[in-house]
Amino acid sequence: MTVLKPSSSASPSEEEPDLVPQVVARLLLNARHDAHKSGGESSDAPLRELPPSLVPENAAQAYEIQDLVRRELEQNHAPSGGPVVAWKVGASSPQAEPVCAPIHRGTVFASGAVIPDELCHVFGAEAELGFRLSRALPPRATPWTREEVEEAIGSVHAVIELVDSRFETFGSQPALTHLADQASHGALVIGYGRRNWRDFNPAELNMKMWIDGKLAYDQSGTTPAGDPVRLLVWLANHASRRGLGLPAEVTIITGSTMGSHFVGPGTALKVLFSGLPEVAASIAPASPA
């Protein structure tokens, strides 16, 4: 599906209600930091905010915007585009409804990578656990069970997510707006995995993060969501309802264990979870103006 460009003669408030998701999707695409690299319309300027008439009214509308952006990124040649190879999922508590977003190949890197500084407006480093599926969980009429999802998990990985925003100030917008904006994803770095994932209790794992060689975090505990498998089961059924499913080899990251630590270009990062191989990356120095 082609994402429509807003009419130059109409203000956002004048858009027809059924065009709102397409208008927002185009605004988010144009505000991506790398849009100009593929001949997009970006002026490299993030959005200040969405007009009230364009703020998603509910999660369904936010996911509709996500899907429009996803289809465009799957088809274009922007550095942050390409096929979906990962997902992010999280929740604010063990009882809260999770939220999620797809992640494209262009923003996924192996441990040791240098992340292009032009990929993101900002870089918020987060230490997370990722689970890679060894078998697909495709769309189907009946819900996926916890047992089936557990059988599909092939390995657990330490990962670093770098959160970003298509808005001037990170976290400044309503929650549904940030959900529509790919749940604030910027880049993902994946470490080597371990197949014996059942032996790991996330609540007992120690996590250390080094920033430019200095130990910045040393803590134990899990994410606010608690049990990560609950998130995977929810995502399998959510993706099924969206007609997407989860293919084999997809990596699913399950939320930050330490909040977000914002860093700049030229920063080196390393994360170590007890019992897992480390994951490391650096952000390239700032490009000349």
Foldseek 3Di string as FASTA:
>chain_A
DAQDDDDPVDDLLPDDLVNLLSHLLLLLLQLFLQQVVQVHNHPNAFAAADPPSNQDPDLVSLVVSLVNNLVVLCPTDGLQRHHFQAKEKEAQAQPGDIAMHTGHPSQEAEFAAAAEQSQAPWWWKFKWKKWAFQAWLAADDDADDLVNLVVRTFWMWIKIWTFHHSHPDPPPYPQSSCSSSRVRGGHMYTYDTDRVVVVDQQQAKWKWKDKQNHTDDTDGGHHNNHDQSVRVSSVQNVCSVVRHTGGHGGMYIYDGPPGIDIDHAQMKMKMDIPPHDIGIYHYHHDDDD
